[in-house]
Amino acid sequence: MSALRSRPELTRAALLVLLAFVLYNANLRVVASGDSRATRFVPLALLRSGTLALDDFRLHVTGFFKNAYWAREIDGRLVSMYPVVTPLLATPFYVPAAVYLQRAGWQDRPLAFAAALSEKLAASILTAVSVGLLYLLLRRRAPRGDALLLTLACAFGTNTWATSSQALWQHGASQLLLAAALLAATGERTTGRLAIAGVCCGLLAANRPPDALLAVAVAAYLVLDLPEKRRLAAFLLPAAAAGLAFAAYNVAVFGHPLGGYPLLMRATFFDHSAFAGLAGLFLSPAKGLFVFSPFLLFLLARPFVPGAPEDRRLNLCLAAGAAALLFVLARADWRGGFCYGPRFLTDLLPIFLWMLVPVLARMGRGLRIAFVAAVLLSIPQQVIGVLYYPFGRSDMVLAEDVADSWKIENAQFLLELRNSPPLWGGRQDPRK
């Protein structure tokens, strides 16, 4: 733990943040989705008029789209159907845009440009910071070289790049909050760090309701591992305060503590086969995690490799939380809607990388070379996503029959690479 307080380690983490930020913005565009459309404008609404309602931006939020499921008028106000944790975390990075728009008079064209630019800036910063925190977390147990390798693998060989950093999905904030919670929970148990872990867990649950299972896993670990139980209040009170604040907002606006989530879900949302869903999440050519990030196949060795004895409780709690979340995601449509790659599993990446630490530590030279090769093989899929998606219309190919997602020729990165117009040609988003 003392190594994490040293200036060289903090400097390395900062350099990783900077490297990630630069590469995440190298494509010079925002790779957005309907799921992030309303979120893009919530910070501007807050900075302009002190409200989370989107009435001032109605034309930009819903006016150009036939099926604007991401926002709804409730009690005369247009509001985002998604949790507001992510846009609130992003708000500080919108301040320059708000200042500029105030001077420009909030005209439509400058507004559209500034909102898109700010969304990409905020998403890339939040995700880049999560990369730096992940490195510090891995350094709890991994030597410097292993921690760097695993951090770079997560940053550029998973959907951390192609999804979290490209738009204000909930996933980037979830990765940030989970990494921060684990970093605080595994460090020295000061009152301040317990409070930080509590706030992050409360926000994690509020940001993406299924991730409450991961917040509970961190909480269970602290309950089991903290010798002085009375000190749990330093964790539980901030966690409850953070979670209940957003639940109160949801009840006030939507009449439900989960906010707009229940309104977005169809009655059959969780009626899918769990077995088929798990297979699709990990193995399908179109969306499988092991296809897009093959280095994560080494997770299959984790049950046979003992970790550090002091991490036994933590690993059991994280494994239970991850398994519960995987079951929930598998019962839903594992393809994740219009998106690139296995975005549903993006929130779990800090746990997956943590679990790989003892596996990597016990690899011989040959297996280590194979692991590095798998990391290098994972990166092109992400590059294709940030450069070509969605211009190759892969969403259209994969949207109908689930069986299409099991055809090798329908691997999403192949569809995008094969069908996209040239990078320098005129492009129109086919989803609009």
Protein backbone atom coordinates (compact mmCIF):
# COMPACT_ATOMS: atom_id res chain seq x y z
CA MET A 1 0.00 0.00 0.00
CA SER A 2 2.84 2.36 0.68
CA ALA A 3 3.93 1.99 -2.95
CA LEU A 4 0.70 3.66 -4.02
CA ARG A 5 1.57 6.78 -2.04
CA SER A 6 4.89 7.17 -3.82
CA ARG A 7 5.24 9.87 -6.42
CA PRO A 8 6.48 7.47 -9.16
CA GLU A 9 3.35 5.31 -8.90
CA LEU A 10 1.03 8.30 -8.93
CA THR A 11 2.99 9.67 -11.89
CA ARG A 12 2.57 6.40 -13.79
CA ALA A 13 -1.14 6.44 -13.09
CA ALA A 14 -1.37 10.03 -14.31
CA LEU A 15 0.54 9.17 -17.49
CA LEU A 16 -1.83 6.27 -18.14
CA VAL A 17 -4.75 8.68 -17.75
CA LEU A 18 -3.14 11.06 -20.23
CA LEU A 19 -2.33 8.29 -22.74
CA ALA A 20 -5.86 6.94 -22.54
CA PHE A 21 -7.40 10.40 -22.94
CA VAL A 22 -5.33 11.13 -26.06
CA LEU A 23 -6.07 7.81 -27.75
CA TYR A 24 -9.74 7.88 -26.79
CA ASN A 25 -10.06 11.18 -28.66
CA ALA A 26 -7.88 10.23 -31.62
CA ASN A 27 -10.91 9.40 -33.80
CA LEU A 28 -12.14 13.01 -33.45
CA ARG A 29 -15.81 12.09 -33.12
CA VAL A 30 -18.41 11.00 -30.61
CA VAL A 31 -19.71 7.43 -31.11
CA ALA A 32 -23.09 8.01 -29.50
CA SER A 33 -26.32 6.06 -29.09
CA GLY A 34 -29.91 6.72 -28.14
CA ASP A 35 -29.04 5.54 -24.64
CA SER A 36 -26.76 8.55 -24.23
CA ARG A 37 -28.77 11.10 -26.21
CA ALA A 38 -30.66 12.69 -23.31
CA THR A 39 -27.62 12.40 -21.05
CA ARG A 40 -25.71 14.60 -23.49
CA PHE A 41 -27.95 17.57 -22.68
CA VAL A 42 -28.65 17.13 -18.96
CA PRO A 43 -25.42 18.92 -17.89
CA LEU A 44 -26.26 21.87 -20.15
CA ALA A 45 -29.77 22.06 -18.68
CA LEU A 46 -28.30 22.12 -15.20
CA LEU A 47 -25.74 24.79 -16.04
CA ARG A 48 -28.19 26.96 -17.98
CA SER A 49 -31.26 26.89 -15.78
CA GLY A 50 -30.43 24.85 -12.69
CA THR A 51 -32.81 22.04 -13.61
CA LEU A 52 -32.50 18.47 -14.85
CA ALA A 53 -35.48 18.92 -17.18
CA LEU A 54 -34.67 19.08 -20.90
CA ASP A 55 -37.42 21.38 -22.17
CA ASP A 56 -34.93 24.00 -23.41
CA PHE A 57 -33.33 21.38 -25.66
CA ARG A 58 -36.41 19.49 -26.81
CA LEU A 59 -35.61 19.80 -30.52
CA HIS A 60 -32.13 18.35 -30.05
CA VAL A 61 -33.17 15.63 -27.60
CA THR A 62 -36.23 14.23 -29.38
CA GLY A 63 -37.13 16.35 -32.40
CA PHE A 64 -34.85 14.67 -34.97
CA PHE A 65 -35.74 11.09 -34.02
CA LYS A 66 -38.73 8.88 -34.75
CA ASN A 67 -38.45 6.74 -31.60
CA ALA A 68 -36.97 8.89 -28.86
CA TYR A 69 -37.29 6.30 -26.10
CA TRP A 70 -34.53 7.98 -24.08
CA ALA A 71 -36.68 10.93 -22.95
CA ARG A 72 -40.32 11.34 -21.98
CA GLU A 73 -42.60 14.16 -20.96
CA ILE A 74 -43.76 13.66 -17.38
CA ASP A 75 -45.96 16.22 -15.62
CA GLY A 76 -45.27 18.69 -18.39
CA ARG A 77 -41.47 18.37 -18.27
CA LEU A 78 -39.19 16.53 -20.67
CA VAL A 79 -36.84 14.34 -18.63
CA SER A 80 -34.20 11.72 -19.34
CA MET A 81 -35.35 8.15 -18.84
CA TYR A 82 -31.90 7.16 -17.66
CA PRO A 83 -30.30 7.74 -14.23
CA VAL A 84 -28.77 11.16 -13.78
CA VAL A 85 -25.59 10.07 -11.98
CA THR A 86 -23.50 9.97 -15.16
CA PRO A 87 -24.57 13.42 -16.42
CA LEU A 88 -23.98 14.93 -12.97
CA LEU A 89 -20.46 13.49 -12.90
CA ALA A 90 -19.95 14.89 -16.40
CA THR A 91 -21.27 18.39 -15.61
CA PRO A 92 -17.92 19.99 -14.62
CA PHE A 93 -16.54 19.18 -18.08
CA TYR A 94 -19.45 21.03 -19.71
CA VAL A 95 -18.63 24.36 -18.07
CA PRO A 96 -16.53 25.71 -21.00
CA ALA A 97 -19.33 24.80 -23.43
CA ALA A 98 -21.94 26.50 -21.26
CA VAL A 99 -19.84 29.67 -21.04
CA TYR A 100 -19.38 29.67 -24.82
CA LEU A 101 -23.07 29.05 -25.50
CA GLN A 102 -24.13 31.77 -23.08
CA ARG A 103 -22.08 34.22 -25.11
CA ALA A 104 -23.29 32.77 -28.43
CA GLY A 105 -26.94 32.94 -27.41
CA TRP A 106 -27.63 29.19 -27.31
CA GLN A 107 -28.15 29.01 -31.06
CA ASP A 108 -29.04 25.60 -32.53
CA ARG A 109 -25.91 24.87 -34.56
CA PRO A 110 -23.36 25.92 -31.92
CA LEU A 111 -25.46 24.10 -29.31
CA ALA A 112 -25.43 20.80 -31.23
CA PHE A 113 -21.67 21.02 -31.80
CA ALA A 114 -20.81 22.03 -28.22
CA ALA A 115 -23.04 19.32 -26.73
CA ALA A 116 -21.47 16.56 -28.85
CA LEU A 117 -17.95 17.82 -28.16
CA SER A 118 -18.62 18.04 -24.42
CA GLU A 119 -20.13 14.56 -24.33
CA LYS A 120 -17.04 13.06 -25.91
CA LEU A 121 -14.73 15.10 -23.68
CA ALA A 122 -16.57 14.09 -20.50
CA ALA A 123 -16.84 10.41 -21.46
CA SER A 124 -13.17 10.18 -22.37
CA ILE A 125 -12.05 11.91 -19.16
CA LEU A 126 -14.21 9.77 -16.86
CA THR A 127 -13.03 6.61 -18.58
CA ALA A 128 -9.38 7.67 -18.66
CA VAL A 129 -9.50 8.38 -14.92
CA SER A 130 -10.94 4.90 -14.37
CA VAL A 131 -7.86 3.54 -16.16
CA GLY A 132 -5.54 5.33 -13.75
CA LEU A 133 -7.51 4.10 -10.75
CA LEU A 134 -7.46 0.56 -12.11
CA TYR A 135 -3.67 0.67 -12.31
CA LEU A 136 -3.43 1.77 -8.68
CA LEU A 137 -5.90 -0.96 -7.69
CA LEU A 138 -3.92 -3.67 -9.48
CA ARG A 139 -0.72 -2.45 -7.84
CA ARG A 140 -2.22 -3.57 -4.51
CA ARG A 141 -1.26 -7.14 -5.47
CA ALA A 142 0.57 -7.08 -8.82
CA PRO A 143 4.15 -6.10 -9.60
CA ARG A 144 4.54 -2.97 -11.70
CA GLY A 145 4.98 -4.76 -15.03
CA ASP A 146 1.93 -6.98 -14.56
CA ALA A 147 -0.20 -4.05 -13.40
CA LEU A 148 0.82 -2.00 -16.44
CA LEU A 149 0.10 -4.88 -18.81
CA LEU A 150 -3.32 -5.58 -17.35
CA THR A 151 -4.24 -1.89 -17.26
CA LEU A 152 -3.26 -1.35 -20.88
CA ALA A 153 -5.16 -4.49 -21.84
CA CYS A 154 -8.30 -3.15 -20.20
CA ALA A 155 -7.86 0.37 -21.57
CA PHE A 156 -7.30 -0.57 -25.21
CA GLY A 157 -8.27 -4.24 -25.58
CA THR A 158 -11.83 -4.09 -24.23
CA ASN A 159 -14.98 -2.05 -24.74
CA THR A 160 -13.55 0.45 -22.30
CA TRP A 161 -12.25 2.06 -25.50
CA ALA A 162 -15.01 1.45 -28.04
CA THR A 163 -17.94 2.06 -25.67
CA SER A 164 -17.17 3.72 -22.34
CA SER A 165 -14.82 6.40 -23.66
CA GLN A 166 -16.82 7.33 -26.75
CA ALA A 167 -20.10 8.62 -25.34
CA LEU A 168 -21.92 9.13 -22.05
CA TRP A 169 -23.22 5.63 -21.65
CA GLN A 170 -23.55 4.61 -18.00
CA HIS A 171 -20.68 2.15 -18.38
CA GLY A 172 -17.78 4.59 -18.12
CA ALA A 173 -19.07 6.04 -14.87
CA SER A 174 -19.74 2.54 -13.54
CA GLN A 175 -16.17 1.47 -14.26
CA LEU A 176 -14.88 4.61 -12.57
CA LEU A 177 -17.06 4.18 -9.47
CA LEU A 178 -16.31 0.46 -9.11
CA ALA A 179 -12.56 0.96 -9.48
CA ALA A 180 -12.65 3.80 -6.96
CA ALA A 181 -14.73 1.78 -4.49
CA LEU A 182 -12.36 -1.19 -4.71
CA LEU A 183 -9.29 1.02 -4.39
CA ALA A 184 -10.72 2.63 -1.24
CA ALA A 185 -11.97 -0.69 0.21
CA THR A 186 -8.64 -2.48 -0.24
CA GLY A 187 -6.54 0.29 1.25
CA GLU A 188 -5.96 1.41 4.80
CA ARG A 189 -9.31 1.47 6.59
CA THR A 190 -9.43 5.13 7.53
CA THR A 191 -12.76 6.85 8.07
CA GLY A 192 -12.22 8.93 4.94
CA ARG A 193 -11.51 5.93 2.72
CA LEU A 194 -14.49 4.03 4.08
CA ALA A 195 -16.64 7.07 3.30
CA ILE A 196 -15.25 7.24 -0.24
CA ALA A 197 -16.00 3.55 -0.75
CA GLY A 198 -19.53 4.13 0.57
CA VAL A 199 -20.25 7.10 -1.69
CA CYS A 200 -18.91 5.22 -4.72
CA CYS A 201 -21.04 2.16 -3.92
CA GLY A 202 -24.16 4.27 -3.47
CA LEU A 203 -23.54 6.08 -6.75
CA LEU A 204 -22.72 2.80 -8.51
CA ALA A 205 -26.11 1.38 -7.59
CA ALA A 206 -27.89 4.60 -8.55
CA ASN A 207 -26.03 4.98 -11.84
CA ARG A 208 -27.00 1.60 -13.27
CA PRO A 209 -29.47 -0.35 -11.10
CA PRO A 210 -28.17 -3.85 -12.03
CA ASP A 211 -24.76 -2.75 -10.74
CA ALA A 212 -26.28 -2.59 -7.26
CA LEU A 213 -25.22 -6.25 -7.12
CA LEU A 214 -21.58 -5.16 -7.44
CA ALA A 215 -22.05 -2.47 -4.79
CA VAL A 216 -23.51 -5.10 -2.48
CA ALA A 217 -20.47 -7.31 -3.13
CA VAL A 218 -18.10 -4.55 -1.98
CA ALA A 219 -20.32 -3.83 1.01
CA ALA A 220 -20.45 -7.52 1.97
CA TYR A 221 -16.67 -7.69 1.86
CA LEU A 222 -16.31 -4.75 4.23
CA VAL A 223 -18.97 -6.13 6.58
CA LEU A 224 -17.13 -9.46 6.75
CA ASP A 225 -13.61 -8.09 6.84
CA LEU A 226 -13.80 -5.00 9.03
CA PRO A 227 -12.85 -6.05 12.58
CA GLU A 228 -14.48 -3.09 14.32
CA LYS A 229 -18.09 -3.35 13.19
CA ARG A 230 -19.02 0.02 14.63
CA ARG A 231 -16.78 1.60 12.01
CA LEU A 232 -19.11 0.29 9.30
CA ALA A 233 -21.18 3.43 9.81
CA ALA A 234 -18.41 5.37 8.04
CA PHE A 235 -19.16 3.26 4.96
CA LEU A 236 -22.88 2.59 5.25
CA LEU A 237 -24.09 6.12 5.98
CA PRO A 238 -22.43 7.74 2.92
CA ALA A 239 -23.56 4.80 0.76
CA ALA A 240 -27.15 5.19 1.91
CA ALA A 241 -27.05 8.98 1.55
CA ALA A 242 -25.77 8.78 -2.03
CA GLY A 243 -28.22 6.08 -3.07
CA LEU A 244 -31.25 7.56 -1.34
CA ALA A 245 -30.66 11.02 -2.79
CA PHE A 246 -31.08 9.67 -6.31
CA ALA A 247 -33.93 7.38 -5.26
CA ALA A 248 -35.73 10.44 -3.91
CA TYR A 249 -35.27 12.21 -7.26
CA ASN A 250 -36.62 9.15 -9.08
CA VAL A 251 -39.68 8.95 -6.85
CA ALA A 252 -40.35 12.67 -7.23
CA VAL A 253 -40.12 12.57 -11.03
CA PHE A 254 -41.19 9.03 -11.98
CA GLY A 255 -42.99 7.79 -8.90
CA HIS A 256 -40.57 4.86 -8.63
CA PRO A 257 -37.20 4.55 -6.84
CA LEU A 258 -35.65 3.06 -10.00
CA GLY A 259 -36.73 6.05 -12.06
CA GLY A 260 -37.35 5.52 -15.75
CA TYR A 261 -35.86 2.02 -15.85
CA PRO A 262 -39.15 0.14 -15.30
CA LEU A 263 -40.78 2.27 -18.01
CA LEU A 264 -38.04 1.34 -20.50
CA MET A 265 -38.33 -2.40 -19.93
CA ARG A 266 -40.89 -4.49 -21.75
CA ALA A 267 -42.86 -7.16 -19.87
CA THR A 268 -40.73 -9.84 -21.56
CA PHE A 269 -37.39 -8.10 -20.90
CA PHE A 270 -36.09 -10.83 -18.58
CA ASP A 271 -37.76 -13.80 -20.27
CA HIS A 272 -34.70 -15.05 -22.14
CA SER A 273 -32.84 -18.27 -21.41
CA ALA A 274 -30.01 -17.73 -18.92
CA PHE A 275 -27.91 -20.49 -20.49
CA ALA A 276 -28.27 -19.08 -24.00
CA GLY A 277 -27.63 -15.59 -22.67
CA LEU A 278 -24.40 -16.57 -20.93
CA ALA A 279 -23.20 -18.34 -24.06
CA GLY A 280 -24.01 -15.26 -26.14
CA LEU A 281 -22.38 -12.82 -23.73
CA PHE A 282 -19.08 -14.68 -23.83
CA LEU A 283 -18.90 -16.74 -27.02
CA SER A 284 -21.07 -15.37 -29.83
CA PRO A 285 -19.06 -14.18 -32.85
CA ALA A 286 -21.10 -10.98 -33.03
CA LYS A 287 -20.99 -9.87 -29.39
CA GLY A 288 -18.98 -12.35 -27.30
CA LEU A 289 -16.53 -10.99 -24.74
CA PHE A 290 -13.97 -13.70 -25.49
CA VAL A 291 -14.17 -12.84 -29.20
CA PHE A 292 -13.65 -9.11 -28.74
CA SER A 293 -11.16 -9.44 -25.87
CA PRO A 294 -9.56 -12.89 -26.21
CA PHE A 295 -7.01 -12.23 -23.46
CA LEU A 296 -9.92 -12.57 -21.00
CA LEU A 297 -10.08 -16.28 -21.89
CA PHE A 298 -7.35 -16.65 -19.28
CA LEU A 299 -10.06 -15.98 -16.67
CA LEU A 300 -11.05 -19.63 -17.15
CA ALA A 301 -7.88 -20.59 -15.28
CA ARG A 302 -8.75 -18.44 -12.26
CA PRO A 303 -10.65 -21.15 -10.28
CA PHE A 304 -7.50 -23.27 -10.36
CA VAL A 305 -5.10 -20.50 -9.26
CA PRO A 306 -5.09 -19.36 -5.61
CA GLY A 307 -4.95 -15.65 -4.99
CA ALA A 308 -3.41 -13.80 -2.09
CA PRO A 309 -4.76 -15.20 1.22
CA GLU A 310 -5.78 -11.74 2.40
CA ASP A 311 -8.00 -11.37 -0.69
CA ARG A 312 -10.02 -14.55 -0.16
CA ARG A 313 -13.09 -12.82 1.25
CA LEU A 314 -12.93 -10.03 -1.30
CA ASN A 315 -12.61 -12.46 -4.20
CA LEU A 316 -15.53 -14.57 -2.98
CA CYS A 317 -17.73 -11.50 -2.60
CA LEU A 318 -16.74 -10.13 -6.01
CA ALA A 319 -17.26 -13.51 -7.66
CA ALA A 320 -20.73 -13.80 -6.12
CA GLY A 321 -21.67 -10.27 -7.18
CA ALA A 322 -20.36 -10.80 -10.70
CA ALA A 323 -22.19 -14.14 -11.02
CA ALA A 324 -25.45 -12.55 -9.89
CA LEU A 325 -25.07 -9.70 -12.37
CA LEU A 326 -24.18 -12.11 -15.17
CA PHE A 327 -27.38 -14.04 -14.47
CA VAL A 328 -29.46 -10.84 -14.68
CA LEU A 329 -27.77 -9.77 -17.93
CA ALA A 330 -28.13 -13.24 -19.43
CA ARG A 331 -31.89 -13.20 -18.84
CA ALA A 332 -32.13 -9.97 -20.85
CA ASP A 333 -31.38 -9.62 -24.56
CA TRP A 334 -27.63 -10.19 -24.34
CA ARG A 335 -26.99 -8.39 -27.63
CA GLY A 336 -27.44 -5.06 -25.83
CA GLY A 337 -29.39 -3.23 -28.52
CA PHE A 338 -27.71 -0.89 -30.98
CA CYS A 339 -24.14 -0.86 -29.72
CA TYR A 340 -20.69 -2.13 -30.59
CA GLY A 341 -19.46 -5.33 -28.98
CA PRO A 342 -20.21 -6.79 -25.53
CA ARG A 343 -21.13 -3.55 -23.81
CA PHE A 344 -23.24 -5.30 -21.14
CA LEU A 345 -20.08 -6.74 -19.58
CA THR A 346 -18.12 -3.50 -19.57
CA ASP A 347 -19.05 -2.66 -15.97
CA LEU A 348 -17.49 -5.94 -14.80
CA LEU A 349 -14.06 -5.26 -16.29
CA PRO A 350 -12.39 -3.95 -13.08
CA ILE A 351 -13.35 -7.22 -11.39
CA PHE A 352 -12.19 -9.34 -14.32
CA LEU A 353 -8.80 -7.60 -14.36
CA TRP A 354 -8.44 -7.95 -10.59
CA MET A 355 -9.13 -11.68 -10.92
CA LEU A 356 -6.41 -12.02 -13.56
CA VAL A 357 -3.63 -10.81 -11.25
CA PRO A 358 -2.77 -14.23 -9.70
CA VAL A 359 -3.20 -15.95 -13.08
CA LEU A 360 -0.66 -13.68 -14.74
CA ALA A 361 1.71 -13.99 -11.77
CA ARG A 362 1.92 -17.77 -12.20
CA MET A 363 2.46 -17.83 -15.96
CA GLY A 364 5.68 -19.17 -17.39
CA ARG A 365 7.43 -17.53 -20.29
CA GLY A 366 5.42 -19.34 -22.95
CA LEU A 367 2.01 -18.58 -21.44
CA ARG A 368 3.01 -14.98 -20.82
CA ILE A 369 3.91 -14.57 -24.50
CA ALA A 370 0.53 -16.09 -25.39
CA PHE A 371 -1.20 -13.65 -23.04
CA VAL A 372 0.55 -10.64 -24.57
CA ALA A 373 -0.36 -11.94 -28.03
CA ALA A 374 -4.00 -12.21 -26.96
CA VAL A 375 -3.89 -8.62 -25.69
CA LEU A 376 -2.46 -7.42 -29.01
CA LEU A 377 -5.16 -9.41 -30.83
CA SER A 378 -7.84 -7.64 -28.77
CA ILE A 379 -6.83 -4.13 -29.79
CA PRO A 380 -7.81 -4.15 -33.51
CA GLN A 381 -11.44 -4.95 -32.64
CA GLN A 382 -11.55 -1.79 -30.56
CA VAL A 383 -9.85 0.30 -33.24
CA ILE A 384 -12.47 -0.85 -35.75
CA GLY A 385 -15.20 0.15 -33.31
CA VAL A 386 -13.90 3.67 -32.73
CA LEU A 387 -13.10 4.30 -36.42
CA TYR A 388 -15.85 2.51 -38.35
CA TYR A 389 -18.90 1.83 -36.15
CA PRO A 390 -21.82 2.35 -36.92
CA PHE A 391 -21.22 3.13 -40.61
CA GLY A 392 -20.98 -0.56 -41.54
CA ARG A 393 -24.63 -1.06 -40.50
CA SER A 394 -23.82 -4.03 -38.29
CA ASP A 395 -26.69 -3.05 -35.98
CA MET A 396 -29.15 -3.59 -38.83
CA VAL A 397 -27.74 -7.05 -39.60
CA LEU A 398 -27.83 -8.20 -35.97
CA ALA A 399 -31.07 -6.58 -34.80
CA GLU A 400 -33.58 -9.21 -35.94
CA ASP A 401 -32.84 -12.92 -35.61
CA VAL A 402 -30.66 -13.89 -32.64
CA ALA A 403 -29.26 -16.72 -34.74
CA ASP A 404 -27.53 -14.13 -36.95
CA SER A 405 -25.28 -13.25 -34.01
CA TRP A 406 -23.87 -16.78 -34.07
CA LYS A 407 -22.65 -16.64 -37.66
CA ILE A 408 -18.89 -16.19 -37.89
CA GLU A 409 -19.21 -13.85 -40.86
CA ASN A 410 -21.40 -11.61 -38.67
CA ALA A 411 -18.69 -10.84 -36.15
CA GLN A 412 -19.48 -7.18 -35.63
CA PHE A 413 -15.97 -5.92 -36.28
CA LEU A 414 -15.94 -7.83 -39.59
CA LEU A 415 -19.28 -6.34 -40.61
CA GLU A 416 -18.11 -2.83 -39.82
CA LEU A 417 -14.75 -3.26 -41.55
CA ARG A 418 -16.31 -4.87 -44.62
CA ASN A 419 -19.30 -2.57 -45.13
CA SER A 420 -18.18 0.87 -43.94
CA PRO A 421 -17.44 3.62 -46.46
CA PRO A 422 -13.87 4.94 -46.57
CA LEU A 423 -12.73 6.85 -43.51
CA TRP A 424 -12.27 9.99 -45.55
CA GLY A 425 -15.60 9.71 -47.41
CA GLY A 426 -18.94 11.23 -46.56
CA ARG A 427 -20.66 9.31 -43.77
CA GLN A 428 -24.16 9.26 -42.38
CA ASP A 429 -25.15 7.46 -39.21
CA PRO A 430 -27.55 4.72 -40.44
CA ARG A 431 -29.36 4.63 -37.09
CA LYS A 432 -30.95 8.07 -37.55
